[in-house]
Amino acid sequence: MAYQEMYFVQLFGLTAKNRLSLVATYHANNAEHAVARARAYFDRGVAGAIAFAQMVDEKAEDAQEPTLLAAFGRVPEEAKAA
């Protein structure tokens, strides 16, 4: 297996019942890019954003537990525990 560290940004919005909902997930080039992109989306008005890293083996379709890099605004508790 060939694991590679990958970086992601997830954005969260609020439903009509004021519950958090995943809006989008984006790839980032590196940890700094992921954190900057999450902060920028939060500054533009999303309810919450997280940046995280994860070791992924795309060929085997396997991934290890994610590591939280940063969280901004309202995000699910399970996202903060990563």
PDB file of N, CA and C in Angstrom:
ATOM      1  N   MET A   1       0.832  -1.187   0.000  1.00  0.00           N
ATOM      2  CA  MET A   1       0.000   0.000   0.000  1.00  0.00           C
ATOM      3  C   MET A   1       0.875   1.249   0.000  1.00  0.00           C
ATOM      4  N   ALA A   2       0.466   2.240  -0.764  1.00  0.00           N
ATOM      5  CA  ALA A   2       1.215   3.490  -0.854  1.00  0.00           C
ATOM      6  C   ALA A   2       0.364   4.636  -0.316  1.00  0.00           C
ATOM      7  N   TYR A   3       0.516   4.885   0.961  1.00  0.00           N
ATOM      8  CA  TYR A   3      -0.236   5.980   1.575  1.00  0.00           C
ATOM      9  C   TYR A   3       0.428   7.313   1.249  1.00  0.00           C
ATOM     10  N   GLN A   4      -0.409   8.300   1.069  1.00  0.00           N
ATOM     11  CA  GLN A   4       0.056   9.653   0.765  1.00  0.00           C
ATOM     12  C   GLN A   4      -0.741  10.604   1.648  1.00  0.00           C
ATOM     13  N   GLU A   5      -0.066  11.581   2.233  1.00  0.00           N
ATOM     14  CA  GLU A   5      -0.787  12.556   3.045  1.00  0.00           C
ATOM     15  C   GLU A   5      -1.515  13.532   2.133  1.00  0.00           C
ATOM     16  N   MET A   6      -2.806  13.674   2.392  1.00  0.00           N
ATOM     17  CA  MET A   6      -3.635  14.587   1.600  1.00  0.00           C
ATOM     18  C   MET A   6      -4.274  15.593   2.550  1.00  0.00           C
ATOM     19  N   TYR A   7      -4.632  16.750   1.997  1.00  0.00           N
ATOM     20  CA  TYR A   7      -5.175  17.842   2.804  1.00  0.00           C
ATOM     21  C   TYR A   7      -6.538  18.232   2.263  1.00  0.00           C
ATOM     22  N   PHE A   8      -7.452  18.526   3.195  1.00  0.00           N
ATOM     23  CA  PHE A   8      -8.827  18.809   2.821  1.00  0.00           C
ATOM     24  C   PHE A   8      -9.389  19.977   3.626  1.00  0.00           C
ATOM     25  N   VAL A   9     -10.426  20.580   3.046  1.00  0.00           N
ATOM     26  CA  VAL A   9     -11.209  21.616   3.714  1.00  0.00           C
ATOM     27  C   VAL A   9     -12.663  21.190   3.603  1.00  0.00           C
ATOM     28  N   GLN A  10     -13.380  21.228   4.726  1.00  0.00           N
ATOM     29  CA  GLN A  10     -14.809  20.954   4.702  1.00  0.00           C
ATOM     30  C   GLN A  10     -15.547  22.191   5.192  1.00  0.00           C
ATOM     31  N   LEU A  11     -16.653  22.500   4.504  1.00  0.00           N
ATOM     32  CA  LEU A  11     -17.469  23.657   4.843  1.00  0.00           C
ATOM     33  C   LEU A  11     -18.819  23.196   5.381  1.00  0.00           C
ATOM     34  N   PHE A  12     -19.316  23.918   6.386  1.00  0.00           N
ATOM     35  CA  PHE A  12     -20.593  23.581   7.011  1.00  0.00           C
ATOM     36  C   PHE A  12     -21.528  24.778   6.959  1.00  0.00           C
ATOM     37  N   GLY A  13     -22.786  24.483   6.701  1.00  0.00           N
ATOM     38  CA  GLY A  13     -23.825  25.504   6.701  1.00  0.00           C
ATOM     39  C   GLY A  13     -24.883  25.118   7.709  1.00  0.00           C
ATOM     40  N   LEU A  14     -25.913  25.945   7.814  1.00  0.00           N
ATOM     41  CA  LEU A  14     -27.014  25.684   8.737  1.00  0.00           C
ATOM     42  C   LEU A  14     -28.280  25.376   7.947  1.00  0.00           C
ATOM     43  N   THR A  15     -29.015  24.363   8.401  1.00  0.00           N
ATOM     44  CA  THR A  15     -30.287  24.017   7.781  1.00  0.00           C
ATOM     45  C   THR A  15     -31.363  24.968   8.295  1.00  0.00           C
ATOM     46  N   ALA A  16     -32.570  24.828   7.768  1.00  0.00           N
ATOM     47  CA  ALA A  16     -33.700  25.649   8.213  1.00  0.00           C
ATOM     48  C   ALA A  16     -33.995  25.428   9.695  1.00  0.00           C
ATOM     49  N   LYS A  17     -33.622  24.253  10.204  1.00  0.00           N
ATOM     50  CA  LYS A  17     -33.839  23.950  11.628  1.00  0.00           C
ATOM     51  C   LYS A  17     -32.608  24.282  12.468  1.00  0.00           C
ATOM     52  N   ASN A  18     -31.699  25.080  11.914  1.00  0.00           N
ATOM     53  CA  ASN A  18     -30.502  25.551  12.608  1.00  0.00           C
ATOM     54  C   ASN A  18     -29.551  24.402  12.987  1.00  0.00           C
ATOM     55  N   ARG A  19     -29.518  23.365  12.153  1.00  0.00           N
ATOM     56  CA  ARG A  19     -28.596  22.248  12.360  1.00  0.00           C
ATOM     57  C   ARG A  19     -27.462  22.355  11.360  1.00  0.00           C
ATOM     58  N   LEU A  20     -26.289  21.888  11.767  1.00  0.00           N
ATOM     59  CA  LEU A  20     -25.136  21.921  10.863  1.00  0.00           C
ATOM     60  C   LEU A  20     -25.280  20.886   9.757  1.00  0.00           C
ATOM     61  N   SER A  21     -24.835  21.275   8.584  1.00  0.00           N
ATOM     62  CA  SER A  21     -24.894  20.394   7.425  1.00  0.00           C
ATOM     63  C   SER A  21     -23.610  20.571   6.620  1.00  0.00           C
ATOM     64  N   LEU A  22     -23.046  19.464   6.159  1.00  0.00           N
ATOM     65  CA  LEU A  22     -21.860  19.525   5.314  1.00  0.00           C
ATOM     66  C   LEU A  22     -22.256  20.124   3.974  1.00  0.00           C
ATOM     67  N   VAL A  23     -21.553  21.183   3.557  1.00  0.00           N
ATOM     68  CA  VAL A  23     -21.859  21.871   2.312  1.00  0.00           C
ATOM     69  C   VAL A  23     -20.936  21.407   1.195  1.00  0.00           C
ATOM     70  N   ALA A  24     -19.638  21.307   1.485  1.00  0.00           N
ATOM     71  CA  ALA A  24     -18.666  20.943   0.450  1.00  0.00           C
ATOM     72  C   ALA A  24     -17.371  20.466   1.083  1.00  0.00           C
ATOM     73  N   THR A  25     -16.618  19.693   0.293  1.00  0.00           N
ATOM     74  CA  THR A  25     -15.278  19.253   0.669  1.00  0.00           C
ATOM     75  C   THR A  25     -14.348  19.585  -0.483  1.00  0.00           C
ATOM     76  N   TYR A  26     -13.212  20.201  -0.161  1.00  0.00           N
ATOM     77  CA  TYR A  26     -12.234  20.594  -1.178  1.00  0.00           C
ATOM     78  C   TYR A  26     -10.862  20.033  -0.835  1.00  0.00           C
ATOM     79  N   HIS A  27     -10.074  19.750  -1.846  1.00  0.00           N
ATOM     80  CA  HIS A  27      -8.673  19.368  -1.669  1.00  0.00           C
ATOM     81  C   HIS A  27      -7.844  20.636  -1.486  1.00  0.00           C
ATOM     82  N   ALA A  28      -6.725  20.500  -0.803  1.00  0.00           N
ATOM     83  CA  ALA A  28      -5.777  21.603  -0.648  1.00  0.00           C
ATOM     84  C   ALA A  28      -4.382  21.082  -0.983  1.00  0.00           C
ATOM     85  N   ASN A  29      -3.490  21.993  -1.305  1.00  0.00           N
ATOM     86  CA  ASN A  29      -2.132  21.615  -1.713  1.00  0.00           C
ATOM     87  C   ASN A  29      -1.253  21.157  -0.558  1.00  0.00           C
ATOM     88  N   ASN A  30      -1.428  21.772   0.605  1.00  0.00           N
ATOM     89  CA  ASN A  30      -0.618  21.458   1.779  1.00  0.00           C
ATOM     90  C   ASN A  30      -1.361  21.933   3.020  1.00  0.00           C
ATOM     91  N   ALA A  31      -0.764  21.737   4.188  1.00  0.00           N
ATOM     92  CA  ALA A  31      -1.432  22.099   5.441  1.00  0.00           C
ATOM     93  C   ALA A  31      -1.722  23.595   5.514  1.00  0.00           C
ATOM     94  N   GLU A  32      -0.754  24.411   5.137  1.00  0.00           N
ATOM     95  CA  GLU A  32      -0.940  25.860   5.211  1.00  0.00           C
ATOM     96  C   GLU A  32      -2.056  26.320   4.276  1.00  0.00           C
ATOM     97  N   HIS A  33      -2.101  25.753   3.091  1.00  0.00           N
ATOM     98  CA  HIS A  33      -3.150  26.081   2.121  1.00  0.00           C
ATOM     99  C   HIS A  33      -4.522  25.675   2.668  1.00  0.00           C
ATOM    100  N   ALA A  34      -4.614  24.509   3.284  1.00  0.00           N
ATOM    101  CA  ALA A  34      -5.879  24.037   3.839  1.00  0.00           C
ATOM    102  C   ALA A  34      -6.386  24.972   4.929  1.00  0.00           C
ATOM    103  N   VAL A  35      -5.499  25.366   5.845  1.00  0.00           N
ATOM    104  CA  VAL A  35      -5.895  26.264   6.935  1.00  0.00           C
ATOM    105  C   VAL A  35      -6.301  27.630   6.379  1.00  0.00           C
ATOM    106  N   ALA A  36      -5.526  28.159   5.453  1.00  0.00           N
ATOM    107  CA  ALA A  36      -5.840  29.473   4.870  1.00  0.00           C
ATOM    108  C   ALA A  36      -7.167  29.430   4.118  1.00  0.00           C
ATOM    109  N   ARG A  37      -7.408  28.353   3.397  1.00  0.00           N
ATOM    110  CA  ARG A  37      -8.655  28.242   2.638  1.00  0.00           C
ATOM    111  C   ARG A  37      -9.860  28.108   3.570  1.00  0.00           C
ATOM    112  N   ALA A  38      -9.736  27.330   4.638  1.00  0.00           N
ATOM    113  CA  ALA A  38     -10.824  27.190   5.610  1.00  0.00           C
ATOM    114  C   ALA A  38     -11.123  28.540   6.262  1.00  0.00           C
ATOM    115  N   ARG A  39     -10.080  29.255   6.664  1.00  0.00           N
ATOM    116  CA  ARG A  39     -10.262  30.585   7.276  1.00  0.00           C
ATOM    117  C   ARG A  39     -10.937  31.546   6.295  1.00  0.00           C
ATOM    118  N   ALA A  40     -10.519  31.524   5.041  1.00  0.00           N
ATOM    119  CA  ALA A  40     -11.088  32.429   4.037  1.00  0.00           C
ATOM    120  C   ALA A  40     -12.577  32.150   3.830  1.00  0.00           C
ATOM    121  N   TYR A  41     -12.960  30.875   3.737  1.00  0.00           N
ATOM    122  CA  TYR A  41     -14.381  30.557   3.576  1.00  0.00           C
ATOM    123  C   TYR A  41     -15.180  31.006   4.798  1.00  0.00           C
ATOM    124  N   PHE A  42     -14.623  30.810   5.992  1.00  0.00           N
ATOM    125  CA  PHE A  42     -15.319  31.252   7.195  1.00  0.00           C
ATOM    126  C   PHE A  42     -15.462  32.774   7.195  1.00  0.00           C
ATOM    127  N   ASP A  43     -14.411  33.466   6.818  1.00  0.00           N
ATOM    128  CA  ASP A  43     -14.464  34.927   6.756  1.00  0.00           C
ATOM    129  C   ASP A  43     -15.501  35.418   5.746  1.00  0.00           C
ATOM    130  N   ARG A  44     -15.786  34.598   4.732  1.00  0.00           N
ATOM    131  CA  ARG A  44     -16.777  34.964   3.708  1.00  0.00           C
ATOM    132  C   ARG A  44     -18.200  34.590   4.093  1.00  0.00           C
ATOM    133  N   GLY A  45     -18.379  33.948   5.256  1.00  0.00           N
ATOM    134  CA  GLY A  45     -19.736  33.740   5.735  1.00  0.00           C
ATOM    135  C   GLY A  45     -20.255  32.333   5.921  1.00  0.00           C
ATOM    136  N   VAL A  46     -19.462  31.296   5.687  1.00  0.00           N
ATOM    137  CA  VAL A  46     -19.976  29.955   5.984  1.00  0.00           C
ATOM    138  C   VAL A  46     -20.091  29.815   7.502  1.00  0.00           C
ATOM    139  N   ALA A  47     -21.000  28.970   7.947  1.00  0.00           N
ATOM    140  CA  ALA A  47     -21.211  28.783   9.384  1.00  0.00           C
ATOM    141  C   ALA A  47     -19.970  28.216  10.065  1.00  0.00           C
ATOM    142  N   GLY A  48     -19.255  27.334   9.372  1.00  0.00           N
ATOM    143  CA  GLY A  48     -18.064  26.732   9.937  1.00  0.00           C
ATOM    144  C   GLY A  48     -17.206  26.102   8.857  1.00  0.00           C
ATOM    145  N   ALA A  49     -15.944  25.907   9.181  1.00  0.00           N
ATOM    146  CA  ALA A  49     -15.002  25.295   8.240  1.00  0.00           C
ATOM    147  C   ALA A  49     -13.911  24.595   9.025  1.00  0.00           C
ATOM    148  N   ILE A  50     -13.461  23.457   8.499  1.00  0.00           N
ATOM    149  CA  ILE A  50     -12.326  22.764   9.104  1.00  0.00           C
ATOM    150  C   ILE A  50     -11.291  22.473   8.023  1.00  0.00           C
ATOM    151  N   ALA A  51     -10.058  22.372   8.462  1.00  0.00           N
ATOM    152  CA  ALA A  51      -8.947  21.929   7.620  1.00  0.00           C
ATOM    153  C   ALA A  51      -8.389  20.686   8.291  1.00  0.00           C
ATOM    154  N   PHE A  52      -8.131  19.651   7.493  1.00  0.00           N
ATOM    155  CA  PHE A  52      -7.569  18.442   8.086  1.00  0.00           C
ATOM    156  C   PHE A  52      -6.651  17.726   7.105  1.00  0.00           C
ATOM    157  N   ALA A  53      -5.797  16.892   7.669  1.00  0.00           N
ATOM    158  CA  ALA A  53      -4.881  16.057   6.893  1.00  0.00           C
ATOM    159  C   ALA A  53      -5.301  14.608   7.096  1.00  0.00           C
ATOM    160  N   GLN A  54      -5.029  13.791   6.069  1.00  0.00           N
ATOM    161  CA  GLN A  54      -5.389  12.385   6.171  1.00  0.00           C
ATOM    162  C   GLN A  54      -4.457  11.563   5.281  1.00  0.00           C
ATOM    163  N   MET A  55      -3.989  10.460   5.812  1.00  0.00           N
ATOM    164  CA  MET A  55      -3.189   9.526   5.030  1.00  0.00           C
ATOM    165  C   MET A  55      -4.147   8.666   4.220  1.00  0.00           C
ATOM    166  N   VAL A  56      -3.975   8.686   2.878  1.00  0.00           N
ATOM    167  CA  VAL A  56      -4.913   8.021   1.982  1.00  0.00           C
ATOM    168  C   VAL A  56      -4.140   7.146   0.998  1.00  0.00           C
ATOM    169  N   ASP A  57      -4.658   5.954   0.783  1.00  0.00           N
ATOM    170  CA  ASP A  57      -4.165   5.077  -0.275  1.00  0.00           C
ATOM    171  C   ASP A  57      -5.290   5.002  -1.301  1.00  0.00           C
ATOM    172  N   GLU A  58      -5.188   5.813  -2.348  1.00  0.00           N
ATOM    173  CA  GLU A  58      -6.262   5.894  -3.339  1.00  0.00           C
ATOM    174  C   GLU A  58      -6.453   4.593  -4.105  1.00  0.00           C
ATOM    175  N   LYS A  59      -5.355   3.876  -4.386  1.00  0.00           N
ATOM    176  CA  LYS A  59      -5.457   2.614  -5.117  1.00  0.00           C
ATOM    177  C   LYS A  59      -6.260   1.582  -4.332  1.00  0.00           C
ATOM    178  N   ALA A  60      -5.976   1.477  -3.058  1.00  0.00           N
ATOM    179  CA  ALA A  60      -6.661   0.501  -2.213  1.00  0.00           C
ATOM    180  C   ALA A  60      -7.969   1.058  -1.655  1.00  0.00           C
ATOM    181  N   GLU A  61      -8.251   2.338  -1.929  1.00  0.00           N
ATOM    182  CA  GLU A  61      -9.442   3.009  -1.407  1.00  0.00           C
ATOM    183  C   GLU A  61      -9.505   2.867   0.105  1.00  0.00           C
ATOM    184  N   ASP A  62      -8.396   3.198   0.753  1.00  0.00           N
ATOM    185  CA  ASP A  62      -8.281   3.100   2.206  1.00  0.00           C
ATOM    186  C   ASP A  62      -7.751   4.425   2.746  1.00  0.00           C
ATOM    187  N   ALA A  63      -8.169   4.758   3.943  1.00  0.00           N
ATOM    188  CA  ALA A  63      -7.699   5.996   4.572  1.00  0.00           C
ATOM    189  C   ALA A  63      -7.585   5.801   6.072  1.00  0.00           C
ATOM    190  N   GLN A  64      -6.614   6.473   6.664  1.00  0.00           N
ATOM    191  CA  GLN A  64      -6.448   6.448   8.105  1.00  0.00           C
ATOM    192  C   GLN A  64      -7.286   7.569   8.725  1.00  0.00           C
ATOM    193  N   GLU A  65      -7.325   7.608  10.030  1.00  0.00           N
ATOM    194  CA  GLU A  65      -8.095   8.637  10.733  1.00  0.00           C
ATOM    195  C   GLU A  65      -7.534  10.017  10.392  1.00  0.00           C
ATOM    196  N   PRO A  66      -8.399  11.003  10.190  1.00  0.00           N
ATOM    197  CA  PRO A  66      -7.933  12.354   9.870  1.00  0.00           C
ATOM    198  C   PRO A  66      -7.335  13.059  11.084  1.00  0.00           C
ATOM    199  N   THR A  67      -6.491  14.032  10.810  1.00  0.00           N
ATOM    200  CA  THR A  67      -5.894  14.874  11.849  1.00  0.00           C
ATOM    201  C   THR A  67      -6.373  16.297  11.620  1.00  0.00           C
ATOM    202  N   LEU A  68      -7.050  16.860  12.597  1.00  0.00           N
ATOM    203  CA  LEU A  68      -7.564  18.218  12.494  1.00  0.00           C
ATOM    204  C   LEU A  68      -6.414  19.214  12.512  1.00  0.00           C
ATOM    205  N   LEU A  69      -6.417  20.128  11.553  1.00  0.00           N
ATOM    206  CA  LEU A  69      -5.414  21.190  11.490  1.00  0.00           C
ATOM    207  C   LEU A  69      -5.953  22.496  12.054  1.00  0.00           C
ATOM    208  N   ALA A  70      -7.232  22.793  11.775  1.00  0.00           N
ATOM    209  CA  ALA A  70      -7.856  24.023  12.274  1.00  0.00           C
ATOM    210  C   ALA A  70      -9.360  23.930  12.124  1.00  0.00           C
ATOM    211  N   ALA A  71     -10.072  24.631  12.999  1.00  0.00           N
ATOM    212  CA  ALA A  71     -11.531  24.704  12.929  1.00  0.00           C
ATOM    213  C   ALA A  71     -11.945  26.152  13.143  1.00  0.00           C
ATOM    214  N   PHE A  72     -12.923  26.603  12.351  1.00  0.00           N
ATOM    215  CA  PHE A  72     -13.418  27.973  12.428  1.00  0.00           C
ATOM    216  C   PHE A  72     -14.937  27.949  12.504  1.00  0.00           C
ATOM    217  N   GLY A  73     -15.508  28.691  13.431  1.00  0.00           N
ATOM    218  CA  GLY A  73     -16.957  28.805  13.535  1.00  0.00           C
ATOM    219  C   GLY A  73     -17.603  27.559  14.092  1.00  0.00           C
ATOM    220  N   ARG A  74     -18.826  27.304  13.646  1.00  0.00           N
ATOM    221  CA  ARG A  74     -19.608  26.163  14.118  1.00  0.00           C
ATOM    222  C   ARG A  74     -19.302  24.940  13.273  1.00  0.00           C
ATOM    223  N   VAL A  75     -18.771  23.918  13.935  1.00  0.00           N
ATOM    224  CA  VAL A  75     -18.474  22.648  13.266  1.00  0.00           C
ATOM    225  C   VAL A  75     -18.957  21.511  14.161  1.00  0.00           C
ATOM    226  N   PRO A  76     -19.260  20.355  13.586  1.00  0.00           N
ATOM    227  CA  PRO A  76     -19.708  19.214  14.396  1.00  0.00           C
ATOM    228  C   PRO A  76     -18.648  18.818  15.429  1.00  0.00           C
ATOM    229  N   GLU A  77     -19.121  18.390  16.571  1.00  0.00           N
ATOM    230  CA  GLU A  77     -18.208  17.976  17.648  1.00  0.00           C
ATOM    231  C   GLU A  77     -17.272  16.874  17.193  1.00  0.00           C
ATOM    232  N   GLU A  78     -17.770  15.929  16.397  1.00  0.00           N
ATOM    233  CA  GLU A  78     -16.918  14.817  15.935  1.00  0.00           C
ATOM    234  C   GLU A  78     -15.792  15.322  15.025  1.00  0.00           C
ATOM    235  N   ALA A  79     -16.004  16.427  14.363  1.00  0.00           N
ATOM    236  CA  ALA A  79     -14.943  17.015  13.534  1.00  0.00           C
ATOM    237  C   ALA A  79     -13.837  17.583  14.411  1.00  0.00           C
ATOM    238  N   LYS A  80     -14.204  18.151  15.540  1.00  0.00           N
ATOM    239  CA  LYS A  80     -13.217  18.721  16.464  1.00  0.00           C
ATOM    240  C   LYS A  80     -12.390  17.631  17.146  1.00  0.00           C
ATOM    241  N   ALA A  81     -12.961  16.435  17.262  1.00  0.00           N
ATOM    242  CA  ALA A  81     -12.273  15.339  17.940  1.00  0.00           C
ATOM    243  C   ALA A  81     -11.266  14.634  17.047  1.00  0.00           C
ATOM    244  N   ALA A  82     -11.268  14.947  15.758  1.00  0.00           N
ATOM    245  CA  ALA A  82     -10.376  14.264  14.811  1.00  0.00           C
ATOM    246  C   ALA A  82      -8.926  14.598  15.073  1.00  0.00           C
TER     247      ALA A  82
END
